[in-house]
Amino acid sequence: MTMCWAYGRYGLAGAWGGLAAGISVRKPWWSWRGKFASQLVGTLAGCGFALVSGFIVYGGLKAFMGIRMSEEEEQAGADLSIHKIAARPEAGISR
């Protein structure tokens, strides 16, 4: 699963859930705008927190450890470069 799929599945669904909670307020009928506004502010604050935290964590990892493999390791694949096993070990077995 790529990062784009995870964002679409969890990020957008969570944001919609937060906003829908403010929309679905029934009583009193005039207060739904206030509830929706507070849910909108909370949802945007959560997204902002996640964005800033992500930049801090990945920026720190990039600065101190590096977050990319070398080009040779990319060509070989992470299964061989990092884990030292083939992705499909049965492919190397001949009968």
PDB file of N, CA and C in Angstrom:
ATOM      1  N   MET A   1       0.847  -1.169   0.000  1.00  0.00           N
ATOM      2  CA  MET A   1       0.000   0.000   0.000  1.00  0.00           C
ATOM      3  C   MET A   1       0.894   1.233   0.000  1.00  0.00           C
ATOM      4  N   THR A   2       0.653   2.141  -0.891  1.00  0.00           N
ATOM      5  CA  THR A   2       1.470   3.341  -0.967  1.00  0.00           C
ATOM      6  C   THR A   2       0.951   4.398  -0.011  1.00  0.00           C
ATOM      7  N   MET A   3       1.746   5.430   0.153  1.00  0.00           N
ATOM      8  CA  MET A   3       1.361   6.524   1.046  1.00  0.00           C
ATOM      9  C   MET A   3       0.087   7.207   0.569  1.00  0.00           C
ATOM     10  N   CYS A   4      -0.091   7.308  -0.734  1.00  0.00           N
ATOM     11  CA  CYS A   4      -1.297   7.961  -1.266  1.00  0.00           C
ATOM     12  C   CYS A   4      -2.547   7.178  -0.893  1.00  0.00           C
ATOM     13  N   TRP A   5      -2.486   5.870  -0.933  1.00  0.00           N
ATOM     14  CA  TRP A   5      -3.643   5.058  -0.545  1.00  0.00           C
ATOM     15  C   TRP A   5      -3.933   5.224   0.937  1.00  0.00           C
ATOM     16  N   ALA A   6      -2.904   5.250   1.763  1.00  0.00           N
ATOM     17  CA  ALA A   6      -3.114   5.396   3.208  1.00  0.00           C
ATOM     18  C   ALA A   6      -3.751   6.743   3.521  1.00  0.00           C
ATOM     19  N   TYR A   7      -3.321   7.783   2.850  1.00  0.00           N
ATOM     20  CA  TYR A   7      -3.923   9.102   3.085  1.00  0.00           C
ATOM     21  C   TYR A   7      -5.387   9.109   2.678  1.00  0.00           C
ATOM     22  N   GLY A   8      -5.686   8.541   1.528  1.00  0.00           N
ATOM     23  CA  GLY A   8      -7.071   8.509   1.066  1.00  0.00           C
ATOM     24  C   GLY A   8      -7.957   7.660   1.955  1.00  0.00           C
ATOM     25  N   ARG A   9      -7.412   6.584   2.446  1.00  0.00           N
ATOM     26  CA  ARG A   9      -8.220   5.668   3.267  1.00  0.00           C
ATOM     27  C   ARG A   9      -8.406   6.184   4.681  1.00  0.00           C
ATOM     28  N   TYR A  10      -7.347   6.651   5.315  1.00  0.00           N
ATOM     29  CA  TYR A  10      -7.435   7.010   6.727  1.00  0.00           C
ATOM     30  C   TYR A  10      -7.513   8.521   6.946  1.00  0.00           C
ATOM     31  N   GLY A  11      -6.746   9.274   6.201  1.00  0.00           N
ATOM     32  CA  GLY A  11      -6.732  10.722   6.404  1.00  0.00           C
ATOM     33  C   GLY A  11      -8.036  11.387   6.021  1.00  0.00           C
ATOM     34  N   LEU A  12      -8.488  11.129   4.820  1.00  0.00           N
ATOM     35  CA  LEU A  12      -9.737  11.760   4.377  1.00  0.00           C
ATOM     36  C   LEU A  12     -10.943  11.204   5.118  1.00  0.00           C
ATOM     37  N   ALA A  13     -10.942   9.920   5.405  1.00  0.00           N
ATOM     38  CA  ALA A  13     -12.065   9.337   6.143  1.00  0.00           C
ATOM     39  C   ALA A  13     -12.123   9.902   7.559  1.00  0.00           C
ATOM     40  N   GLY A  14     -10.988  10.072   8.195  1.00  0.00           N
ATOM     41  CA  GLY A  14     -10.967  10.657   9.534  1.00  0.00           C
ATOM     42  C   GLY A  14     -11.401  12.107   9.536  1.00  0.00           C
ATOM     43  N   ALA A  15     -10.956  12.867   8.538  1.00  0.00           N
ATOM     44  CA  ALA A  15     -11.372  14.272   8.443  1.00  0.00           C
ATOM     45  C   ALA A  15     -12.872  14.366   8.198  1.00  0.00           C
ATOM     46  N   TRP A  16     -13.395  13.532   7.320  1.00  0.00           N
ATOM     47  CA  TRP A  16     -14.834  13.537   7.077  1.00  0.00           C
ATOM     48  C   TRP A  16     -15.602  13.140   8.330  1.00  0.00           C
ATOM     49  N   GLY A  17     -15.115  12.165   9.061  1.00  0.00           N
ATOM     50  CA  GLY A  17     -15.775  11.760  10.301  1.00  0.00           C
ATOM     51  C   GLY A  17     -15.830  12.889  11.309  1.00  0.00           C
ATOM     52  N   GLY A  18     -14.742  13.636  11.408  1.00  0.00           N
ATOM     53  CA  GLY A  18     -14.729  14.785  12.313  1.00  0.00           C
ATOM     54  C   GLY A  18     -15.716  15.857  11.896  1.00  0.00           C
ATOM     55  N   LEU A  19     -15.773  16.135  10.609  1.00  0.00           N
ATOM     56  CA  LEU A  19     -16.704  17.167  10.122  1.00  0.00           C
ATOM     57  C   LEU A  19     -18.149  16.691  10.194  1.00  0.00           C
ATOM     58  N   ALA A  20     -18.380  15.432   9.914  1.00  0.00           N
ATOM     59  CA  ALA A  20     -19.748  14.904   9.925  1.00  0.00           C
ATOM     60  C   ALA A  20     -20.340  14.946  11.327  1.00  0.00           C
ATOM     61  N   ALA A  21     -19.487  14.819  12.347  1.00  0.00           N
ATOM     62  CA  ALA A  21     -19.997  14.906  13.713  1.00  0.00           C
ATOM     63  C   ALA A  21     -20.582  16.290  13.987  1.00  0.00           C
ATOM     64  N   GLY A  22     -20.010  17.321  13.402  1.00  0.00           N
ATOM     65  CA  GLY A  22     -20.552  18.672  13.567  1.00  0.00           C
ATOM     66  C   GLY A  22     -21.791  18.924  12.727  1.00  0.00           C
ATOM     67  N   ILE A  23     -21.901  18.230  11.603  1.00  0.00           N
ATOM     68  CA  ILE A  23     -23.068  18.405  10.734  1.00  0.00           C
ATOM     69  C   ILE A  23     -24.286  17.703  11.327  1.00  0.00           C
ATOM     70  N   SER A  24     -24.077  16.585  11.982  1.00  0.00           N
ATOM     71  CA  SER A  24     -25.199  15.747  12.407  1.00  0.00           C
ATOM     72  C   SER A  24     -25.848  16.195  13.713  1.00  0.00           C
ATOM     73  N   VAL A  25     -25.492  17.355  14.235  1.00  0.00           N
ATOM     74  CA  VAL A  25     -26.107  17.861  15.461  1.00  0.00           C
ATOM     75  C   VAL A  25     -27.566  18.190  15.175  1.00  0.00           C
ATOM     76  N   ARG A  26     -28.476  17.709  16.007  1.00  0.00           N
ATOM     77  CA  ARG A  26     -29.908  17.902  15.782  1.00  0.00           C
ATOM     78  C   ARG A  26     -30.520  18.974  16.678  1.00  0.00           C
ATOM     79  N   LYS A  27     -30.211  18.975  17.961  1.00  0.00           N
ATOM     80  CA  LYS A  27     -30.886  19.899  18.877  1.00  0.00           C
ATOM     81  C   LYS A  27     -29.861  20.751  19.578  1.00  0.00           C
ATOM     82  N   PRO A  28     -30.074  21.990  19.751  1.00  0.00           N
ATOM     83  CA  PRO A  28     -31.050  22.828  19.063  1.00  0.00           C
ATOM     84  C   PRO A  28     -30.625  23.086  17.627  1.00  0.00           C
ATOM     85  N   TRP A  29     -31.543  23.296  16.779  1.00  0.00           N
ATOM     86  CA  TRP A  29     -31.267  23.375  15.341  1.00  0.00           C
ATOM     87  C   TRP A  29     -30.381  24.550  14.964  1.00  0.00           C
ATOM     88  N   TRP A  30     -30.384  25.630  15.749  1.00  0.00           N
ATOM     89  CA  TRP A  30     -29.592  26.800  15.383  1.00  0.00           C
ATOM     90  C   TRP A  30     -28.117  26.659  15.789  1.00  0.00           C
ATOM     91  N   SER A  31     -27.783  25.642  16.545  1.00  0.00           N
ATOM     92  CA  SER A  31     -26.403  25.559  17.028  1.00  0.00           C
ATOM     93  C   SER A  31     -25.496  24.702  16.149  1.00  0.00           C
ATOM     94  N   TRP A  32     -26.009  24.132  15.064  1.00  0.00           N
ATOM     95  CA  TRP A  32     -25.155  23.250  14.260  1.00  0.00           C
ATOM     96  C   TRP A  32     -23.992  24.000  13.641  1.00  0.00           C
ATOM     97  N   ARG A  33     -24.168  25.294  13.360  1.00  0.00           N
ATOM     98  CA  ARG A  33     -23.047  26.048  12.772  1.00  0.00           C
ATOM     99  C   ARG A  33     -21.892  26.161  13.756  1.00  0.00           C
ATOM    100  N   GLY A  34     -22.206  26.401  15.010  1.00  0.00           N
ATOM    101  CA  GLY A  34     -21.153  26.465  16.022  1.00  0.00           C
ATOM    102  C   GLY A  34     -20.471  25.140  16.214  1.00  0.00           C
ATOM    103  N   LYS A  35     -21.234  24.056  16.227  1.00  0.00           N
ATOM    104  CA  LYS A  35     -20.648  22.727  16.372  1.00  0.00           C
ATOM    105  C   LYS A  35     -19.797  22.373  15.155  1.00  0.00           C
ATOM    106  N   PHE A  36     -20.300  22.706  13.975  1.00  0.00           N
ATOM    107  CA  PHE A  36     -19.536  22.418  12.761  1.00  0.00           C
ATOM    108  C   PHE A  36     -18.244  23.228  12.746  1.00  0.00           C
ATOM    109  N   ALA A  37     -18.327  24.500  13.159  1.00  0.00           N
ATOM    110  CA  ALA A  37     -17.125  25.335  13.176  1.00  0.00           C
ATOM    111  C   ALA A  37     -16.081  24.767  14.134  1.00  0.00           C
ATOM    112  N   SER A  38     -16.520  24.301  15.303  1.00  0.00           N
ATOM    113  CA  SER A  38     -15.541  23.733  16.243  1.00  0.00           C
ATOM    114  C   SER A  38     -14.944  22.439  15.710  1.00  0.00           C
ATOM    115  N   GLN A  39     -15.754  21.628  15.028  1.00  0.00           N
ATOM    116  CA  GLN A  39     -15.234  20.396  14.421  1.00  0.00           C
ATOM    117  C   GLN A  39     -14.263  20.721  13.293  1.00  0.00           C
ATOM    118  N   LEU A  40     -14.557  21.767  12.518  1.00  0.00           N
ATOM    119  CA  LEU A  40     -13.674  22.183  11.429  1.00  0.00           C
ATOM    120  C   LEU A  40     -12.331  22.659  11.982  1.00  0.00           C
ATOM    121  N   VAL A  41     -12.382  23.467  13.036  1.00  0.00           N
ATOM    122  CA  VAL A  41     -11.137  23.948  13.647  1.00  0.00           C
ATOM    123  C   VAL A  41     -10.329  22.775  14.200  1.00  0.00           C
ATOM    124  N   GLY A  42     -10.998  21.844  14.872  1.00  0.00           N
ATOM    125  CA  GLY A  42     -10.302  20.674  15.409  1.00  0.00           C
ATOM    126  C   GLY A  42      -9.700  19.800  14.329  1.00  0.00           C
ATOM    127  N   THR A  43     -10.439  19.605  13.239  1.00  0.00           N
ATOM    128  CA  THR A  43      -9.935  18.796  12.131  1.00  0.00           C
ATOM    129  C   THR A  43      -8.722  19.455  11.478  1.00  0.00           C
ATOM    130  N   LEU A  44      -8.800  20.757  11.261  1.00  0.00           N
ATOM    131  CA  LEU A  44      -7.664  21.474  10.665  1.00  0.00           C
ATOM    132  C   LEU A  44      -6.464  21.483  11.613  1.00  0.00           C
ATOM    133  N   ALA A  45      -6.730  21.611  12.912  1.00  0.00           N
ATOM    134  CA  ALA A  45      -5.631  21.570  13.878  1.00  0.00           C
ATOM    135  C   ALA A  45      -4.964  20.194  13.884  1.00  0.00           C
ATOM    136  N   GLY A  46      -5.759  19.137  13.804  1.00  0.00           N
ATOM    137  CA  GLY A  46      -5.193  17.786  13.744  1.00  0.00           C
ATOM    138  C   GLY A  46      -4.361  17.575  12.495  1.00  0.00           C
ATOM    139  N   CYS A  47      -4.852  18.061  11.364  1.00  0.00           N
ATOM    140  CA  CYS A  47      -4.086  17.947  10.112  1.00  0.00           C
ATOM    141  C   CYS A  47      -2.793  18.751  10.189  1.00  0.00           C
ATOM    142  N   GLY A  48      -2.872  19.940  10.756  1.00  0.00           N
ATOM    143  CA  GLY A  48      -1.676  20.762  10.914  1.00  0.00           C
ATOM    144  C   GLY A  48      -0.646  20.120  11.826  1.00  0.00           C
ATOM    145  N   PHE A  49      -1.120  19.550  12.932  1.00  0.00           N
ATOM    146  CA  PHE A  49      -0.230  18.858  13.861  1.00  0.00           C
ATOM    147  C   PHE A  49       0.462  17.685  13.181  1.00  0.00           C
ATOM    148  N   ALA A  50      -0.307  16.910  12.426  1.00  0.00           N
ATOM    149  CA  ALA A  50       0.275  15.757  11.728  1.00  0.00           C
ATOM    150  C   ALA A  50       1.304  16.209  10.699  1.00  0.00           C
ATOM    151  N   LEU A  51       1.018  17.281   9.994  1.00  0.00           N
ATOM    152  CA  LEU A  51       1.946  17.786   8.980  1.00  0.00           C
ATOM    153  C   LEU A  51       3.252  18.265   9.610  1.00  0.00           C
ATOM    154  N   VAL A  52       3.139  19.081  10.659  1.00  0.00           N
ATOM    155  CA  VAL A  52       4.340  19.594  11.330  1.00  0.00           C
ATOM    156  C   VAL A  52       5.128  18.457  11.969  1.00  0.00           C
ATOM    157  N   SER A  53       4.437  17.539  12.636  1.00  0.00           N
ATOM    158  CA  SER A  53       5.114  16.402  13.267  1.00  0.00           C
ATOM    159  C   SER A  53       5.823  15.539  12.226  1.00  0.00           C
ATOM    160  N   GLY A  54       5.180  15.326  11.088  1.00  0.00           N
ATOM    161  CA  GLY A  54       5.796  14.546  10.025  1.00  0.00           C
ATOM    162  C   GLY A  54       7.070  15.186   9.505  1.00  0.00           C
ATOM    163  N   PHE A  55       7.035  16.508   9.311  1.00  0.00           N
ATOM    164  CA  PHE A  55       8.241  17.196   8.855  1.00  0.00           C
ATOM    165  C   PHE A  55       9.356  17.099   9.883  1.00  0.00           C
ATOM    166  N   ILE A  56       9.016  17.212  11.167  1.00  0.00           N
ATOM    167  CA  ILE A  56      10.039  17.131  12.210  1.00  0.00           C
ATOM    168  C   ILE A  56      10.647  15.723  12.258  1.00  0.00           C
ATOM    169  N   VAL A  57       9.796  14.710  12.283  1.00  0.00           N
ATOM    170  CA  VAL A  57      10.295  13.332  12.388  1.00  0.00           C
ATOM    171  C   VAL A  57      11.099  12.951  11.157  1.00  0.00           C
ATOM    172  N   TYR A  58      10.542  13.155   9.961  1.00  0.00           N
ATOM    173  CA  TYR A  58      11.260  12.747   8.755  1.00  0.00           C
ATOM    174  C   TYR A  58      12.452  13.646   8.473  1.00  0.00           C
ATOM    175  N   GLY A  59      12.365  14.909   8.855  1.00  0.00           N
ATOM    176  CA  GLY A  59      13.535  15.790   8.721  1.00  0.00           C
ATOM    177  C   GLY A  59      14.674  15.337   9.614  1.00  0.00           C
ATOM    178  N   GLY A  60      14.344  14.933  10.854  1.00  0.00           N
ATOM    179  CA  GLY A  60      15.368  14.423  11.762  1.00  0.00           C
ATOM    180  C   GLY A  60      15.971  13.124  11.279  1.00  0.00           C
ATOM    181  N   LEU A  61      15.121  12.220  10.796  1.00  0.00           N
ATOM    182  CA  LEU A  61      15.636  10.964  10.255  1.00  0.00           C
ATOM    183  C   LEU A  61      16.532  11.198   9.052  1.00  0.00           C
ATOM    184  N   LYS A  62      16.115  12.105   8.186  1.00  0.00           N
ATOM    185  CA  LYS A  62      16.911  12.397   6.987  1.00  0.00           C
ATOM    186  C   LYS A  62      18.255  13.010   7.366  1.00  0.00           C
ATOM    187  N   ALA A  63      18.253  13.886   8.375  1.00  0.00           N
ATOM    188  CA  ALA A  63      19.490  14.558   8.764  1.00  0.00           C
ATOM    189  C   ALA A  63      20.465  13.622   9.469  1.00  0.00           C
ATOM    190  N   PHE A  64      19.963  12.728  10.305  1.00  0.00           N
ATOM    191  CA  PHE A  64      20.851  11.916  11.127  1.00  0.00           C
ATOM    192  C   PHE A  64      21.114  10.523  10.585  1.00  0.00           C
ATOM    193  N   MET A  65      20.134   9.903   9.929  1.00  0.00           N
ATOM    194  CA  MET A  65      20.300   8.521   9.495  1.00  0.00           C
ATOM    195  C   MET A  65      20.227   8.358   7.985  1.00  0.00           C
ATOM    196  N   GLY A  66      19.494   9.192   7.342  1.00  0.00           N
ATOM    197  CA  GLY A  66      19.212   9.003   5.930  1.00  0.00           C
ATOM    198  C   GLY A  66      17.983   8.129   5.778  1.00  0.00           C
ATOM    199  N   ILE A  67      17.150   8.468   4.829  1.00  0.00           N
ATOM    200  CA  ILE A  67      15.916   7.706   4.668  1.00  0.00           C
ATOM    201  C   ILE A  67      15.807   7.052   3.294  1.00  0.00           C
ATOM    202  N   ARG A  68      16.865   7.152   2.525  1.00  0.00           N
ATOM    203  CA  ARG A  68      16.853   6.518   1.206  1.00  0.00           C
ATOM    204  C   ARG A  68      17.951   5.487   1.111  1.00  0.00           C
ATOM    205  N   MET A  69      17.703   4.491   0.299  1.00  0.00           N
ATOM    206  CA  MET A  69      18.728   3.503   0.009  1.00  0.00           C
ATOM    207  C   MET A  69      19.579   4.024  -1.143  1.00  0.00           C
ATOM    208  N   SER A  70      20.740   3.427  -1.295  1.00  0.00           N
ATOM    209  CA  SER A  70      21.573   3.796  -2.438  1.00  0.00           C
ATOM    210  C   SER A  70      20.905   3.273  -3.720  1.00  0.00           C
ATOM    211  N   GLU A  71      21.375   3.772  -4.830  1.00  0.00           N
ATOM    212  CA  GLU A  71      20.781   3.353  -6.110  1.00  0.00           C
ATOM    213  C   GLU A  71      20.960   1.856  -6.358  1.00  0.00           C
ATOM    214  N   GLU A  72      22.132   1.311  -5.961  1.00  0.00           N
ATOM    215  CA  GLU A  72      22.360  -0.125  -6.123  1.00  0.00           C
ATOM    216  C   GLU A  72      21.397  -0.941  -5.254  1.00  0.00           C
ATOM    217  N   GLU A  73      21.156  -0.482  -4.033  1.00  0.00           N
ATOM    218  CA  GLU A  73      20.219  -1.187  -3.154  1.00  0.00           C
ATOM    219  C   GLU A  73      18.792  -1.102  -3.683  1.00  0.00           C
ATOM    220  N   GLU A  74      18.434   0.036  -4.249  1.00  0.00           N
ATOM    221  CA  GLU A  74      17.106   0.171  -4.842  1.00  0.00           C
ATOM    222  C   GLU A  74      16.920  -0.804  -5.996  1.00  0.00           C
ATOM    223  N   GLN A  75      17.947  -0.957  -6.817  1.00  0.00           N
ATOM    224  CA  GLN A  75      17.856  -1.866  -7.956  1.00  0.00           C
ATOM    225  C   GLN A  75      17.743  -3.325  -7.497  1.00  0.00           C
ATOM    226  N   ALA A  76      18.478  -3.658  -6.435  1.00  0.00           N
ATOM    227  CA  ALA A  76      18.413  -5.027  -5.924  1.00  0.00           C
ATOM    228  C   ALA A  76      17.096  -5.292  -5.204  1.00  0.00           C
ATOM    229  N   GLY A  77      16.561  -4.264  -4.600  1.00  0.00           N
ATOM    230  CA  GLY A  77      15.316  -4.407  -3.856  1.00  0.00           C
ATOM    231  C   GLY A  77      15.554  -4.421  -2.359  1.00  0.00           C
ATOM    232  N   ALA A  78      14.584  -3.926  -1.598  1.00  0.00           N
ATOM    233  CA  ALA A  78      14.738  -3.841  -0.148  1.00  0.00           C
ATOM    234  C   ALA A  78      14.796  -5.214   0.499  1.00  0.00           C
ATOM    235  N   ASP A  79      14.134  -6.186  -0.098  1.00  0.00           N
ATOM    236  CA  ASP A  79      14.141  -7.520   0.508  1.00  0.00           C
ATOM    237  C   ASP A  79      15.559  -8.087   0.553  1.00  0.00           C
ATOM    238  N   LEU A  80      16.325  -7.899  -0.491  1.00  0.00           N
ATOM    239  CA  LEU A  80      17.701  -8.395  -0.495  1.00  0.00           C
ATOM    240  C   LEU A  80      18.652  -7.453   0.234  1.00  0.00           C
ATOM    241  N   SER A  81      18.474  -6.148   0.059  1.00  0.00           N
ATOM    242  CA  SER A  81      19.400  -5.181   0.635  1.00  0.00           C
ATOM    243  C   SER A  81      19.281  -5.068   2.144  1.00  0.00           C
ATOM    244  N   ILE A  82      18.074  -5.047   2.660  1.00  0.00           N
ATOM    245  CA  ILE A  82      17.874  -4.846   4.092  1.00  0.00           C
ATOM    246  C   ILE A  82      17.692  -6.163   4.828  1.00  0.00           C
ATOM    247  N   HIS A  83      16.805  -7.006   4.318  1.00  0.00           N
ATOM    248  CA  HIS A  83      16.440  -8.221   5.032  1.00  0.00           C
ATOM    249  C   HIS A  83      17.302  -9.427   4.653  1.00  0.00           C
ATOM    250  N   LYS A  84      18.028  -9.308   3.573  1.00  0.00           N
ATOM    251  CA  LYS A  84      18.920 -10.376   3.099  1.00  0.00           C
ATOM    252  C   LYS A  84      18.178 -11.664   2.753  1.00  0.00           C
ATOM    253  N   ILE A  85      16.942 -11.535   2.303  1.00  0.00           N
ATOM    254  CA  ILE A  85      16.173 -12.682   1.818  1.00  0.00           C
ATOM    255  C   ILE A  85      15.486 -12.286   0.524  1.00  0.00           C
ATOM    256  N   ALA A  86      15.137 -13.272  -0.278  1.00  0.00           N
ATOM    257  CA  ALA A  86      14.415 -12.997  -1.512  1.00  0.00           C
ATOM    258  C   ALA A  86      12.933 -12.797  -1.197  1.00  0.00           C
ATOM    259  N   ALA A  87      12.296 -11.991  -1.996  1.00  0.00           N
ATOM    260  CA  ALA A  87      10.868 -11.755  -1.786  1.00  0.00           C
ATOM    261  C   ALA A  87      10.072 -13.026  -2.008  1.00  0.00           C
ATOM    262  N   ARG A  88      10.495 -13.808  -2.965  1.00  0.00           N
ATOM    263  CA  ARG A  88       9.848 -15.097  -3.253  1.00  0.00           C
ATOM    264  C   ARG A  88      10.920 -16.171  -3.259  1.00  0.00           C
ATOM    265  N   PRO A  89      11.250 -16.710  -2.108  1.00  0.00           N
ATOM    266  CA  PRO A  89      12.339 -17.707  -2.069  1.00  0.00           C
ATOM    267  C   PRO A  89      12.038 -18.943  -2.896  1.00  0.00           C
ATOM    268  N   GLU A  90      10.786 -19.268  -3.080  1.00  0.00           N
ATOM    269  CA  GLU A  90      10.452 -20.463  -3.860  1.00  0.00           C
ATOM    270  C   GLU A  90      10.796 -20.288  -5.336  1.00  0.00           C
ATOM    271  N   ALA A  91      10.981 -19.046  -5.797  1.00  0.00           N
ATOM    272  CA  ALA A  91      11.318 -18.823  -7.200  1.00  0.00           C
ATOM    273  C   ALA A  91      12.715 -19.357  -7.531  1.00  0.00           C
ATOM    274  N   GLY A  92      13.597 -19.426  -6.513  1.00  0.00           N
ATOM    275  CA  GLY A  92      14.944 -19.916  -6.754  1.00  0.00           C
ATOM    276  C   GLY A  92      15.080 -21.425  -6.669  1.00  0.00           C
ATOM    277  N   ILE A  93      14.010 -22.102  -6.347  1.00  0.00           N
ATOM    278  CA  ILE A  93      14.051 -23.565  -6.210  1.00  0.00           C
ATOM    279  C   ILE A  93      13.695 -24.197  -7.547  1.00  0.00           C
ATOM    280  N   SER A  94      14.544 -25.096  -8.006  1.00  0.00           N
ATOM    281  CA  SER A  94      14.240 -25.807  -9.253  1.00  0.00           C
ATOM    282  C   SER A  94      13.933 -27.259  -8.929  1.00  0.00           C
ATOM    283  N   ARG A  95      13.098 -27.859  -9.744  1.00  0.00           N
ATOM    284  CA  ARG A  95      12.715 -29.262  -9.510  1.00  0.00           C
ATOM    285  C   ARG A  95      13.493 -30.183 -10.380  1.00  0.00           C
TER     286      ARG A  95
END
